[in-house]
Amino acid sequence: MNKIKFPIIILALIIGSIITLCFCISVGTLKIPIVDTYKVILNYVFFTDYEVDSTLSGVVWKIRLPRVLLAFIIGAGLALCGVIMQAVVQNPLAEPYLLGISSGGYLGATIFIILGSSFVGILGSIGLPFFSFIGAIFATFSALFLATYKSSMTTTKLILSGTIINAACSAAANFIMALSGTDSSVARITFWMMGSLTSAKWDKLLLPALLVFVCSCFFITQFRNLNTMLQGDEAAITLGININFYRKTYLLIIALLTGVLVSTSGIIGFVGLIIPHISRSMIGADHRRLVPVAILTGGLFLMIVDALSRTVVENTELPIGIFTAIVGAPFFAYIMIKKNYNYSSR
């Protein structure tokens, strides 16, 4: 049955994503007719010559389209990270920030915003994402080091290590902010922690888009290993799979991807937790079909949530992380209560 549903779901998600993209571009403080949005995109992509107001054309192409595309990329990347993380640690509550990646990014961003003014002239606009990425990677490697110190890695040790690093980095960031923070710096850090896509520009799309694409292609080919991981370490060893090697490899890839996403958009919670479960309810737990469905669902979800963050309160943009929780929590509760699906791939 899932084999029959799969192409239909994929086609529906692709068509829905295209329609949603144009709709999300059209809404905002300046409302733009969807027809004009299509015309602008066609003019730039296919070099057509539809007549569109130059102001609307600039808003669509230079401001909103990069932002909506970034929302899709971030949502797709976080959903992919969530699917892989839940399989690797065999825990349905695992999410991309499990290894302390979010708190590491928080610490790096705090150091730059409060103590890094001397680096502004050197790093310019990339200072904040650079420091947050370094913090995220530092936290990840620290958690992996703790999880493998003097013994082989287990899922329990990995989760505990992530919890320790998460608490340590958060405490360090809060300590720095309490000692040296000003009202403006604290407000900036708080907004970043809740997630924001306001910095979206064409030149900032290449790295996250390329990394999400490459990681997606890679993990789609790894469905057999991921399915086996859900059965437990003993099953993987029985089938001759080097579980520790693949676990470390997948975690390092996910850490790199999550670090780039965090440095680009701040911390956007809930996407990597709920989207894998929503996707399983639609298509099942076989990663051959689950991974592409989760990627498209995550991108579609975050585009819609970003549009809500820009339009719910007139002339005000709210942090996108607030809406991922507001929209995601009830939806997750509905899925858990009303839908029946197996976490295992069997």
C-alpha atoms as a PDB file:
ATOM      1  CA  MET A   1       0.000   0.000   0.000  1.00  0.00           C
ATOM      2  CA  ASN A   2       2.817   2.414   0.909  1.00  0.00           C
ATOM      3  CA  LYS A   3       4.461   1.710  -2.452  1.00  0.00           C
ATOM      4  CA  ILE A   4       1.307   2.936  -4.166  1.00  0.00           C
ATOM      5  CA  LYS A   5       0.914   5.946  -1.869  1.00  0.00           C
ATOM      6  CA  PHE A   6       4.541   7.058  -2.148  1.00  0.00           C
ATOM      7  CA  PRO A   7       4.532   8.614  -5.659  1.00  0.00           C
ATOM      8  CA  ILE A   8       1.167  10.244  -4.986  1.00  0.00           C
ATOM      9  CA  ILE A   9       2.405  11.796  -1.731  1.00  0.00           C
ATOM     10  CA  ILE A  10       5.658  12.978  -3.337  1.00  0.00           C
ATOM     11  CA  LEU A  11       3.794  14.551  -6.266  1.00  0.00           C
ATOM     12  CA  ALA A  12       1.311  16.210  -3.908  1.00  0.00           C
ATOM     13  CA  LEU A  13       4.130  17.599  -1.741  1.00  0.00           C
ATOM     14  CA  ILE A  14       6.027  18.972  -4.771  1.00  0.00           C
ATOM     15  CA  ILE A  15       2.932  20.666  -6.212  1.00  0.00           C
ATOM     16  CA  GLY A  16       1.933  21.903  -2.749  1.00  0.00           C
ATOM     17  CA  SER A  17       5.427  23.326  -2.171  1.00  0.00           C
ATOM     18  CA  ILE A  18       5.380  25.256  -5.466  1.00  0.00           C
ATOM     19  CA  ILE A  19       1.926  26.697  -4.786  1.00  0.00           C
ATOM     20  CA  THR A  20       2.822  27.496  -1.175  1.00  0.00           C
ATOM     21  CA  LEU A  21       6.072  29.184  -2.245  1.00  0.00           C
ATOM     22  CA  CYS A  22       4.229  31.607  -4.512  1.00  0.00           C
ATOM     23  CA  PHE A  23       1.532  32.218  -1.900  1.00  0.00           C
ATOM     24  CA  CYS A  24       4.096  32.918   0.848  1.00  0.00           C
ATOM     25  CA  ILE A  25       5.925  35.361  -1.421  1.00  0.00           C
ATOM     26  CA  SER A  26       2.677  37.225  -2.037  1.00  0.00           C
ATOM     27  CA  VAL A  27       1.667  37.755   1.605  1.00  0.00           C
ATOM     28  CA  GLY A  28       3.192  40.283   3.960  1.00  0.00           C
ATOM     29  CA  THR A  29       3.025  43.967   4.809  1.00  0.00           C
ATOM     30  CA  LEU A  30       2.961  44.652   1.075  1.00  0.00           C
ATOM     31  CA  LYS A  31       0.420  42.297  -0.479  1.00  0.00           C
ATOM     32  CA  ILE A  32       1.351  41.181  -3.978  1.00  0.00           C
ATOM     33  CA  PRO A  33      -1.056  39.445  -6.384  1.00  0.00           C
ATOM     34  CA  ILE A  34      -0.029  35.840  -6.944  1.00  0.00           C
ATOM     35  CA  VAL A  35      -0.216  36.386 -10.693  1.00  0.00           C
ATOM     36  CA  ASP A  36       2.427  39.117 -10.416  1.00  0.00           C
ATOM     37  CA  THR A  37       4.576  36.818  -8.279  1.00  0.00           C
ATOM     38  CA  TYR A  38       4.486  34.164 -11.008  1.00  0.00           C
ATOM     39  CA  LYS A  39       5.310  36.771 -13.643  1.00  0.00           C
ATOM     40  CA  VAL A  40       8.345  38.081 -11.736  1.00  0.00           C
ATOM     41  CA  ILE A  41       9.734  34.582 -11.227  1.00  0.00           C
ATOM     42  CA  LEU A  42       9.190  33.736 -14.899  1.00  0.00           C
ATOM     43  CA  ASN A  43      10.857  36.988 -15.955  1.00  0.00           C
ATOM     44  CA  TYR A  44      14.011  36.245 -13.967  1.00  0.00           C
ATOM     45  CA  VAL A  45      14.191  32.486 -14.474  1.00  0.00           C
ATOM     46  CA  PHE A  46      12.997  32.075 -18.063  1.00  0.00           C
ATOM     47  CA  PHE A  47      13.761  35.623 -19.287  1.00  0.00           C
ATOM     48  CA  THR A  48      10.160  36.330 -20.243  1.00  0.00           C
ATOM     49  CA  ASP A  49       8.963  39.899 -20.628  1.00  0.00           C
ATOM     50  CA  TYR A  50       5.798  40.144 -18.553  1.00  0.00           C
ATOM     51  CA  GLU A  51       5.012  43.663 -17.426  1.00  0.00           C
ATOM     52  CA  VAL A  52       5.264  44.012 -13.628  1.00  0.00           C
ATOM     53  CA  ASP A  53       5.721  47.091 -11.432  1.00  0.00           C
ATOM     54  CA  SER A  54       9.448  47.546 -10.720  1.00  0.00           C
ATOM     55  CA  THR A  55       8.844  47.963  -6.981  1.00  0.00           C
ATOM     56  CA  LEU A  56       6.878  44.704  -6.748  1.00  0.00           C
ATOM     57  CA  SER A  57       9.483  42.984  -8.879  1.00  0.00           C
ATOM     58  CA  GLY A  58      12.259  44.084  -6.518  1.00  0.00           C
ATOM     59  CA  VAL A  59      10.348  42.972  -3.415  1.00  0.00           C
ATOM     60  CA  VAL A  60       9.578  39.556  -4.905  1.00  0.00           C
ATOM     61  CA  TRP A  61      13.009  38.763  -6.305  1.00  0.00           C
ATOM     62  CA  LYS A  62      15.405  40.442  -3.889  1.00  0.00           C
ATOM     63  CA  ILE A  63      13.603  40.097  -0.554  1.00  0.00           C
ATOM     64  CA  ARG A  64      10.815  37.543  -0.381  1.00  0.00           C
ATOM     65  CA  LEU A  65      11.892  34.794  -2.754  1.00  0.00           C
ATOM     66  CA  PRO A  66      15.301  34.303  -1.044  1.00  0.00           C
ATOM     67  CA  ARG A  67      13.575  34.256   2.331  1.00  0.00           C
ATOM     68  CA  VAL A  68      10.907  31.723   1.345  1.00  0.00           C
ATOM     69  CA  LEU A  69      13.515  29.517  -0.335  1.00  0.00           C
ATOM     70  CA  LEU A  70      15.670  29.710   2.794  1.00  0.00           C
ATOM     71  CA  ALA A  71      12.640  28.691   4.878  1.00  0.00           C
ATOM     72  CA  PHE A  72      12.175  25.637   2.649  1.00  0.00           C
ATOM     73  CA  ILE A  73      15.873  24.749   2.837  1.00  0.00           C
ATOM     74  CA  ILE A  74      16.038  25.118   6.636  1.00  0.00           C
ATOM     75  CA  GLY A  75      12.814  23.155   7.130  1.00  0.00           C
ATOM     76  CA  ALA A  76      13.959  20.375   4.808  1.00  0.00           C
ATOM     77  CA  GLY A  77      17.375  20.205   6.488  1.00  0.00           C
ATOM     78  CA  LEU A  78      16.007  20.097  10.036  1.00  0.00           C
ATOM     79  CA  ALA A  79      13.464  17.418   9.084  1.00  0.00           C
ATOM     80  CA  LEU A  80      16.221  15.324   7.511  1.00  0.00           C
ATOM     81  CA  CYS A  81      18.372  15.718  10.626  1.00  0.00           C
ATOM     82  CA  GLY A  82      15.456  14.668  12.814  1.00  0.00           C
ATOM     83  CA  VAL A  83      14.762  11.505  10.808  1.00  0.00           C
ATOM     84  CA  ILE A  84      18.398  10.424  10.875  1.00  0.00           C
ATOM     85  CA  MET A  85      18.918  11.325  14.541  1.00  0.00           C
ATOM     86  CA  GLN A  86      15.875   9.332  15.639  1.00  0.00           C
ATOM     87  CA  ALA A  87      17.107   6.296  13.744  1.00  0.00           C
ATOM     88  CA  VAL A  88      20.715   6.583  14.917  1.00  0.00           C
ATOM     89  CA  VAL A  89      19.910   6.862  18.630  1.00  0.00           C
ATOM     90  CA  GLN A  90      16.789   4.662  18.377  1.00  0.00           C
ATOM     91  CA  ASN A  91      14.722   7.227  20.233  1.00  0.00           C
ATOM     92  CA  PRO A  92      11.480   8.756  18.893  1.00  0.00           C
ATOM     93  CA  LEU A  93      12.083  11.909  20.964  1.00  0.00           C
ATOM     94  CA  ALA A  94      15.499  12.625  19.444  1.00  0.00           C
ATOM     95  CA  GLU A  95      15.878  15.814  17.427  1.00  0.00           C
ATOM     96  CA  PRO A  96      18.690  17.679  15.596  1.00  0.00           C
ATOM     97  CA  TYR A  97      19.844  19.578  18.684  1.00  0.00           C
ATOM     98  CA  LEU A  98      20.354  16.426  20.772  1.00  0.00           C
ATOM     99  CA  LEU A  99      24.161  16.731  20.866  1.00  0.00           C
ATOM    100  CA  GLY A 100      24.100  20.230  22.335  1.00  0.00           C
ATOM    101  CA  ILE A 101      24.312  21.799  18.884  1.00  0.00           C
ATOM    102  CA  SER A 102      21.757  24.491  19.673  1.00  0.00           C
ATOM    103  CA  SER A 103      23.386  25.498  22.950  1.00  0.00           C
ATOM    104  CA  GLY A 104      26.798  25.500  21.277  1.00  0.00           C
ATOM    105  CA  GLY A 105      25.464  27.832  18.616  1.00  0.00           C
ATOM    106  CA  TYR A 106      23.885  29.935  21.358  1.00  0.00           C
ATOM    107  CA  LEU A 107      27.237  30.203  23.143  1.00  0.00           C
ATOM    108  CA  GLY A 108      29.068  31.159  19.951  1.00  0.00           C
ATOM    109  CA  ALA A 109      26.466  33.787  19.054  1.00  0.00           C
ATOM    110  CA  THR A 110      26.575  35.208  22.583  1.00  0.00           C
ATOM    111  CA  ILE A 111      30.364  35.514  22.503  1.00  0.00           C
ATOM    112  CA  PHE A 112      30.232  37.373  19.204  1.00  0.00           C
ATOM    113  CA  ILE A 113      27.351  39.716  20.057  1.00  0.00           C
ATOM    114  CA  ILE A 114      28.597  40.667  23.530  1.00  0.00           C
ATOM    115  CA  LEU A 115      32.360  40.213  23.401  1.00  0.00           C
ATOM    116  CA  GLY A 116      33.179  40.143  19.718  1.00  0.00           C
ATOM    117  CA  SER A 117      32.857  43.791  18.705  1.00  0.00           C
ATOM    118  CA  SER A 118      36.547  43.860  17.817  1.00  0.00           C
ATOM    119  CA  PHE A 119      35.920  41.159  15.197  1.00  0.00           C
ATOM    120  CA  VAL A 120      33.158  43.055  13.386  1.00  0.00           C
ATOM    121  CA  GLY A 121      35.566  44.877  11.124  1.00  0.00           C
ATOM    122  CA  ILE A 122      37.343  41.639  10.202  1.00  0.00           C
ATOM    123  CA  LEU A 123      34.392  39.296   9.719  1.00  0.00           C
ATOM    124  CA  GLY A 124      31.703  41.800   8.795  1.00  0.00           C
ATOM    125  CA  SER A 125      28.233  40.344   8.283  1.00  0.00           C
ATOM    126  CA  ILE A 126      29.456  36.732   8.557  1.00  0.00           C
ATOM    127  CA  GLY A 127      30.643  37.197  12.145  1.00  0.00           C
ATOM    128  CA  LEU A 128      27.474  35.966  13.856  1.00  0.00           C
ATOM    129  CA  PRO A 129      26.924  32.885  11.678  1.00  0.00           C
ATOM    130  CA  PHE A 130      30.657  32.064  11.823  1.00  0.00           C
ATOM    131  CA  PHE A 131      30.808  32.173  15.637  1.00  0.00           C
ATOM    132  CA  SER A 132      27.533  30.263  16.032  1.00  0.00           C
ATOM    133  CA  PHE A 133      28.753  27.570  13.626  1.00  0.00           C
ATOM    134  CA  ILE A 134      32.055  27.210  15.497  1.00  0.00           C
ATOM    135  CA  GLY A 135      30.142  26.945  18.787  1.00  0.00           C
ATOM    136  CA  ALA A 136      27.800  24.310  17.369  1.00  0.00           C
ATOM    137  CA  ILE A 137      30.647  22.191  16.024  1.00  0.00           C
ATOM    138  CA  PHE A 138      32.588  22.552  19.293  1.00  0.00           C
ATOM    139  CA  ALA A 139      29.577  21.325  21.282  1.00  0.00           C
ATOM    140  CA  THR A 140      29.062  18.392  18.925  1.00  0.00           C
ATOM    141  CA  PHE A 141      32.641  17.162  19.106  1.00  0.00           C
ATOM    142  CA  SER A 142      32.611  17.591  22.880  1.00  0.00           C
ATOM    143  CA  ALA A 143      29.494  15.425  23.160  1.00  0.00           C
ATOM    144  CA  LEU A 144      30.946  12.777  20.852  1.00  0.00           C
ATOM    145  CA  PHE A 145      34.193  12.785  22.834  1.00  0.00           C
ATOM    146  CA  LEU A 146      32.332  12.210  26.097  1.00  0.00           C
ATOM    147  CA  ALA A 147      30.199   9.483  24.530  1.00  0.00           C
ATOM    148  CA  THR A 148      33.245   7.545  23.327  1.00  0.00           C
ATOM    149  CA  TYR A 149      35.686   8.228  26.172  1.00  0.00           C
ATOM    150  CA  LYS A 150      37.238   4.977  27.482  1.00  0.00           C
ATOM    151  CA  SER A 151      34.498   2.826  25.940  1.00  0.00           C
ATOM    152  CA  SER A 152      32.427   2.381  22.808  1.00  0.00           C
ATOM    153  CA  MET A 153      29.535   4.699  22.059  1.00  0.00           C
ATOM    154  CA  THR A 154      26.025   3.715  23.103  1.00  0.00           C
ATOM    155  CA  THR A 155      22.777   5.567  22.549  1.00  0.00           C
ATOM    156  CA  THR A 156      22.389   6.141  26.294  1.00  0.00           C
ATOM    157  CA  LYS A 157      25.886   7.627  26.623  1.00  0.00           C
ATOM    158  CA  LEU A 158      25.272   9.782  23.574  1.00  0.00           C
ATOM    159  CA  ILE A 159      22.037  11.239  24.942  1.00  0.00           C
ATOM    160  CA  LEU A 160      23.589  11.869  28.357  1.00  0.00           C
ATOM    161  CA  SER A 161      26.653  13.497  26.767  1.00  0.00           C
ATOM    162  CA  GLY A 162      24.443  15.796  24.718  1.00  0.00           C
ATOM    163  CA  THR A 163      22.508  16.747  27.839  1.00  0.00           C
ATOM    164  CA  ILE A 164      25.740  17.584  29.694  1.00  0.00           C
ATOM    165  CA  ILE A 165      27.147  19.698  26.855  1.00  0.00           C
ATOM    166  CA  ASN A 166      23.808  21.411  26.371  1.00  0.00           C
ATOM    167  CA  ALA A 167      23.685  22.443  30.041  1.00  0.00           C
ATOM    168  CA  ALA A 168      27.339  23.537  30.094  1.00  0.00           C
ATOM    169  CA  CYS A 169      27.124  25.693  26.955  1.00  0.00           C
ATOM    170  CA  SER A 170      23.826  27.265  28.017  1.00  0.00           C
ATOM    171  CA  ALA A 171      25.254  28.072  31.453  1.00  0.00           C
ATOM    172  CA  ALA A 172      28.384  29.621  29.930  1.00  0.00           C
ATOM    173  CA  ALA A 173      26.328  31.739  27.518  1.00  0.00           C
ATOM    174  CA  ASN A 174      23.988  32.911  30.280  1.00  0.00           C
ATOM    175  CA  PHE A 175      26.978  33.729  32.499  1.00  0.00           C
ATOM    176  CA  ILE A 176      28.555  35.891  29.784  1.00  0.00           C
ATOM    177  CA  MET A 177      25.239  37.599  29.104  1.00  0.00           C
ATOM    178  CA  ALA A 178      24.605  38.266  32.805  1.00  0.00           C
ATOM    179  CA  LEU A 179      28.041  39.862  33.270  1.00  0.00           C
ATOM    180  CA  SER A 180      28.384  41.870  30.081  1.00  0.00           C
ATOM    181  CA  GLY A 181      25.033  42.010  28.333  1.00  0.00           C
ATOM    182  CA  THR A 182      23.270  45.246  27.459  1.00  0.00           C
ATOM    183  CA  ASP A 183      19.578  45.621  26.708  1.00  0.00           C
ATOM    184  CA  SER A 184      20.231  45.715  22.974  1.00  0.00           C
ATOM    185  CA  SER A 185      22.582  42.721  22.955  1.00  0.00           C
ATOM    186  CA  VAL A 186      20.255  40.633  25.113  1.00  0.00           C
ATOM    187  CA  ALA A 187      17.341  41.464  22.801  1.00  0.00           C
ATOM    188  CA  ARG A 188      19.414  40.495  19.763  1.00  0.00           C
ATOM    189  CA  ILE A 189      20.494  37.202  21.308  1.00  0.00           C
ATOM    190  CA  THR A 190      16.943  36.390  22.394  1.00  0.00           C
ATOM    191  CA  PHE A 191      15.569  37.037  18.891  1.00  0.00           C
ATOM    192  CA  TRP A 192      18.313  34.878  17.363  1.00  0.00           C
ATOM    193  CA  MET A 193      17.582  32.048  19.822  1.00  0.00           C
ATOM    194  CA  MET A 194      13.966  31.977  18.698  1.00  0.00           C
ATOM    195  CA  GLY A 195      14.925  31.703  15.038  1.00  0.00           C
ATOM    196  CA  SER A 196      14.872  34.302  12.307  1.00  0.00           C
ATOM    197  CA  LEU A 197      15.063  34.363   8.510  1.00  0.00           C
ATOM    198  CA  THR A 198      15.368  38.138   8.205  1.00  0.00           C
ATOM    199  CA  SER A 199      18.958  37.927   6.968  1.00  0.00           C
ATOM    200  CA  ALA A 200      18.012  35.833   3.920  1.00  0.00           C
ATOM    201  CA  LYS A 201      19.789  36.942   0.759  1.00  0.00           C
ATOM    202  CA  TRP A 202      20.718  35.152  -2.425  1.00  0.00           C
ATOM    203  CA  ASP A 203      24.382  34.889  -1.468  1.00  0.00           C
ATOM    204  CA  LYS A 204      23.465  33.163   1.818  1.00  0.00           C
ATOM    205  CA  LEU A 205      21.431  30.405   0.163  1.00  0.00           C
ATOM    206  CA  LEU A 206      24.215  28.563  -1.638  1.00  0.00           C
ATOM    207  CA  LEU A 207      25.947  26.835   1.290  1.00  0.00           C
ATOM    208  CA  PRO A 208      22.849  25.563   3.168  1.00  0.00           C
ATOM    209  CA  ALA A 209      21.116  24.615  -0.096  1.00  0.00           C
ATOM    210  CA  LEU A 210      24.124  22.683  -1.381  1.00  0.00           C
ATOM    211  CA  LEU A 211      24.689  20.934   1.945  1.00  0.00           C
ATOM    212  CA  VAL A 212      21.019  19.958   2.347  1.00  0.00           C
ATOM    213  CA  PHE A 213      20.960  18.613  -1.215  1.00  0.00           C
ATOM    214  CA  VAL A 214      24.155  16.567  -0.817  1.00  0.00           C
ATOM    215  CA  CYS A 215      23.118  15.193   2.600  1.00  0.00           C
ATOM    216  CA  SER A 216      19.654  14.333   1.285  1.00  0.00           C
ATOM    217  CA  CYS A 217      21.103  12.390  -1.652  1.00  0.00           C
ATOM    218  CA  PHE A 218      23.506  10.581   0.667  1.00  0.00           C
ATOM    219  CA  PHE A 219      20.971   9.535   3.294  1.00  0.00           C
ATOM    220  CA  ILE A 220      18.427   8.392   0.703  1.00  0.00           C
ATOM    221  CA  THR A 221      21.022   5.784  -0.299  1.00  0.00           C
ATOM    222  CA  GLN A 222      21.506   4.708   3.337  1.00  0.00           C
ATOM    223  CA  PHE A 223      17.973   3.424   3.928  1.00  0.00           C
ATOM    224  CA  ARG A 224      19.040  -0.177   4.611  1.00  0.00           C
ATOM    225  CA  ASN A 225      21.436   0.831   7.393  1.00  0.00           C
ATOM    226  CA  LEU A 226      18.903   3.251   8.878  1.00  0.00           C
ATOM    227  CA  ASN A 227      16.138   0.636   8.832  1.00  0.00           C
ATOM    228  CA  THR A 228      18.451  -1.849  10.536  1.00  0.00           C
ATOM    229  CA  MET A 229      19.441   0.666  13.216  1.00  0.00           C
ATOM    230  CA  LEU A 230      15.815   0.904  14.283  1.00  0.00           C
ATOM    231  CA  GLN A 231      15.901  -2.801  15.115  1.00  0.00           C
ATOM    232  CA  GLY A 232      18.676  -2.285  17.683  1.00  0.00           C
ATOM    233  CA  ASP A 233      22.417  -2.836  17.893  1.00  0.00           C
ATOM    234  CA  GLU A 234      22.151  -6.619  18.177  1.00  0.00           C
ATOM    235  CA  ALA A 235      20.209  -6.898  14.932  1.00  0.00           C
ATOM    236  CA  ALA A 236      22.728  -4.657  13.156  1.00  0.00           C
ATOM    237  CA  ILE A 237      25.676  -6.716  14.406  1.00  0.00           C
ATOM    238  CA  THR A 238      23.937  -9.946  13.395  1.00  0.00           C
ATOM    239  CA  LEU A 239      23.553  -8.583   9.861  1.00  0.00           C
ATOM    240  CA  GLY A 240      27.234  -7.644   9.758  1.00  0.00           C
ATOM    241  CA  ILE A 241      26.777  -3.865   9.958  1.00  0.00           C
ATOM    242  CA  ASN A 242      29.506  -1.924  11.750  1.00  0.00           C
ATOM    243  CA  ILE A 243      27.036   0.010  13.882  1.00  0.00           C
ATOM    244  CA  ASN A 244      29.587   2.233  15.652  1.00  0.00           C
ATOM    245  CA  PHE A 245      31.208   3.325  12.391  1.00  0.00           C
ATOM    246  CA  TYR A 246      27.931   4.259  10.741  1.00  0.00           C
ATOM    247  CA  ARG A 247      26.599   5.900  13.888  1.00  0.00           C
ATOM    248  CA  LYS A 248      29.642   8.171  14.176  1.00  0.00           C
ATOM    249  CA  THR A 249      29.627   8.925  10.456  1.00  0.00           C
ATOM    250  CA  TYR A 250      25.934   9.836  10.388  1.00  0.00           C
ATOM    251  CA  LEU A 251      26.219  11.930  13.551  1.00  0.00           C
ATOM    252  CA  LEU A 252      29.166  13.919  12.187  1.00  0.00           C
ATOM    253  CA  ILE A 253      27.297  14.635   8.947  1.00  0.00           C
ATOM    254  CA  ILE A 254      24.155  15.653  10.850  1.00  0.00           C
ATOM    255  CA  ALA A 255      26.237  17.840  13.190  1.00  0.00           C
ATOM    256  CA  LEU A 256      27.821  19.657  10.255  1.00  0.00           C
ATOM    257  CA  LEU A 257      24.473  20.179   8.564  1.00  0.00           C
ATOM    258  CA  THR A 258      22.720  21.325  11.760  1.00  0.00           C
ATOM    259  CA  GLY A 259      25.608  23.656  12.579  1.00  0.00           C
ATOM    260  CA  VAL A 260      25.262  25.352   9.186  1.00  0.00           C
ATOM    261  CA  LEU A 261      21.479  25.627   9.579  1.00  0.00           C
ATOM    262  CA  VAL A 262      21.757  27.060  13.094  1.00  0.00           C
ATOM    263  CA  SER A 263      24.363  29.589  11.991  1.00  0.00           C
ATOM    264  CA  THR A 264      22.091  30.687   9.140  1.00  0.00           C
ATOM    265  CA  SER A 265      18.707  30.963  10.854  1.00  0.00           C
ATOM    266  CA  GLY A 266      19.244  30.725  14.594  1.00  0.00           C
ATOM    267  CA  ILE A 267      17.536  28.032  16.656  1.00  0.00           C
ATOM    268  CA  ILE A 268      14.244  26.858  15.173  1.00  0.00           C
ATOM    269  CA  GLY A 269      12.870  24.150  17.397  1.00  0.00           C
ATOM    270  CA  PHE A 270      10.246  21.448  16.930  1.00  0.00           C
ATOM    271  CA  VAL A 271      10.693  20.975  13.161  1.00  0.00           C
ATOM    272  CA  GLY A 272      13.186  18.136  13.516  1.00  0.00           C
ATOM    273  CA  LEU A 273      11.013  16.477  16.154  1.00  0.00           C
ATOM    274  CA  ILE A 274       7.503  16.604  14.714  1.00  0.00           C
ATOM    275  CA  ILE A 275       8.073  16.367  10.957  1.00  0.00           C
ATOM    276  CA  PRO A 276       9.604  12.851  11.079  1.00  0.00           C
ATOM    277  CA  HIS A 277       6.583  11.628  13.050  1.00  0.00           C
ATOM    278  CA  ILE A 278       4.118  13.338  10.700  1.00  0.00           C
ATOM    279  CA  SER A 279       5.949  11.814   7.745  1.00  0.00           C
ATOM    280  CA  ARG A 280       5.869   8.323   9.309  1.00  0.00           C
ATOM    281  CA  SER A 281       2.129   8.660   9.794  1.00  0.00           C
ATOM    282  CA  MET A 282       1.800   9.328   6.054  1.00  0.00           C
ATOM    283  CA  ILE A 283       4.204   6.806   4.543  1.00  0.00           C
ATOM    284  CA  GLY A 284       5.509   4.450   7.247  1.00  0.00           C
ATOM    285  CA  ALA A 285       8.947   3.973   8.762  1.00  0.00           C
ATOM    286  CA  ASP A 286      10.883   2.580   5.784  1.00  0.00           C
ATOM    287  CA  HIS A 287      13.621   5.182   5.241  1.00  0.00           C
ATOM    288  CA  ARG A 288      13.662   4.595   1.497  1.00  0.00           C
ATOM    289  CA  ARG A 289      10.363   6.485   1.360  1.00  0.00           C
ATOM    290  CA  LEU A 290      10.461   8.291   4.710  1.00  0.00           C
ATOM    291  CA  VAL A 291      13.534  10.427   3.985  1.00  0.00           C
ATOM    292  CA  PRO A 292      12.229  12.168   0.798  1.00  0.00           C
ATOM    293  CA  VAL A 293       8.755  12.622   2.280  1.00  0.00           C
ATOM    294  CA  ALA A 294      10.187  14.192   5.457  1.00  0.00           C
ATOM    295  CA  ILE A 295      12.433  16.538   3.454  1.00  0.00           C
ATOM    296  CA  LEU A 296       9.539  17.900   1.398  1.00  0.00           C
ATOM    297  CA  THR A 297       7.168  18.032   4.376  1.00  0.00           C
ATOM    298  CA  GLY A 298       9.713  19.937   6.472  1.00  0.00           C
ATOM    299  CA  GLY A 299      10.299  22.501   3.751  1.00  0.00           C
ATOM    300  CA  LEU A 300       6.575  22.985   3.167  1.00  0.00           C
ATOM    301  CA  PHE A 301       5.892  23.285   6.895  1.00  0.00           C
ATOM    302  CA  LEU A 302       8.508  25.957   7.544  1.00  0.00           C
ATOM    303  CA  MET A 303       7.429  28.054   4.555  1.00  0.00           C
ATOM    304  CA  ILE A 304       3.913  28.204   5.985  1.00  0.00           C
ATOM    305  CA  VAL A 305       5.146  28.950   9.508  1.00  0.00           C
ATOM    306  CA  ASP A 306       7.425  31.726   8.235  1.00  0.00           C
ATOM    307  CA  ALA A 307       4.483  33.318   6.419  1.00  0.00           C
ATOM    308  CA  LEU A 308       2.485  33.213   9.657  1.00  0.00           C
ATOM    309  CA  SER A 309       5.318  34.863  11.596  1.00  0.00           C
ATOM    310  CA  ARG A 310       5.267  37.766   9.121  1.00  0.00           C
ATOM    311  CA  THR A 311       1.522  38.264   8.883  1.00  0.00           C
ATOM    312  CA  VAL A 312      -0.279  37.321  12.118  1.00  0.00           C
ATOM    313  CA  VAL A 313       0.618  40.607  13.824  1.00  0.00           C
ATOM    314  CA  GLU A 314       0.321  43.537  11.461  1.00  0.00           C
ATOM    315  CA  ASN A 315       3.570  45.422  10.746  1.00  0.00           C
ATOM    316  CA  THR A 316       5.443  43.160  13.173  1.00  0.00           C
ATOM    317  CA  GLU A 317       7.619  40.131  12.583  1.00  0.00           C
ATOM    318  CA  LEU A 318       7.635  37.545  15.330  1.00  0.00           C
ATOM    319  CA  PRO A 319      10.428  34.991  15.807  1.00  0.00           C
ATOM    320  CA  ILE A 320       9.707  31.936  13.702  1.00  0.00           C
ATOM    321  CA  GLY A 321      10.556  29.559  16.565  1.00  0.00           C
ATOM    322  CA  ILE A 322       7.466  30.745  18.458  1.00  0.00           C
ATOM    323  CA  PHE A 323       5.235  29.615  15.612  1.00  0.00           C
ATOM    324  CA  THR A 324       6.928  26.275  15.076  1.00  0.00           C
ATOM    325  CA  ALA A 325       5.977  25.485  18.681  1.00  0.00           C
ATOM    326  CA  ILE A 326       2.476  27.001  18.497  1.00  0.00           C
ATOM    327  CA  VAL A 327       1.646  25.235  15.250  1.00  0.00           C
ATOM    328  CA  GLY A 328       3.719  22.123  15.861  1.00  0.00           C
ATOM    329  CA  ALA A 329       2.745  21.117  19.387  1.00  0.00           C
ATOM    330  CA  PRO A 330      -1.026  20.710  18.831  1.00  0.00           C
ATOM    331  CA  PHE A 331      -0.434  19.061  15.466  1.00  0.00           C
ATOM    332  CA  PHE A 332       2.045  16.650  17.030  1.00  0.00           C
ATOM    333  CA  ALA A 333      -0.459  15.860  19.786  1.00  0.00           C
ATOM    334  CA  TYR A 334      -3.140  15.166  17.171  1.00  0.00           C
ATOM    335  CA  ILE A 335      -0.858  12.843  15.228  1.00  0.00           C
ATOM    336  CA  MET A 336       0.132  10.934  18.361  1.00  0.00           C
ATOM    337  CA  ILE A 337      -3.481  10.519  19.546  1.00  0.00           C
ATOM    338  CA  LYS A 338      -5.377   9.964  16.302  1.00  0.00           C
ATOM    339  CA  LYS A 339      -2.884   8.208  14.051  1.00  0.00           C
ATOM    340  CA  ASN A 340      -1.479   4.756  14.502  1.00  0.00           C
ATOM    341  CA  TYR A 341       1.979   4.017  13.122  1.00  0.00           C
ATOM    342  CA  ASN A 342       5.020   1.987  14.064  1.00  0.00           C
ATOM    343  CA  TYR A 343       8.324   3.609  14.931  1.00  0.00           C
ATOM    344  CA  SER A 344      10.060   0.416  13.806  1.00  0.00           C
ATOM    345  CA  SER A 345      10.536  -0.200  10.104  1.00  0.00           C
ATOM    346  CA  ARG A 346       8.906  -3.607  10.409  1.00  0.00           C
END
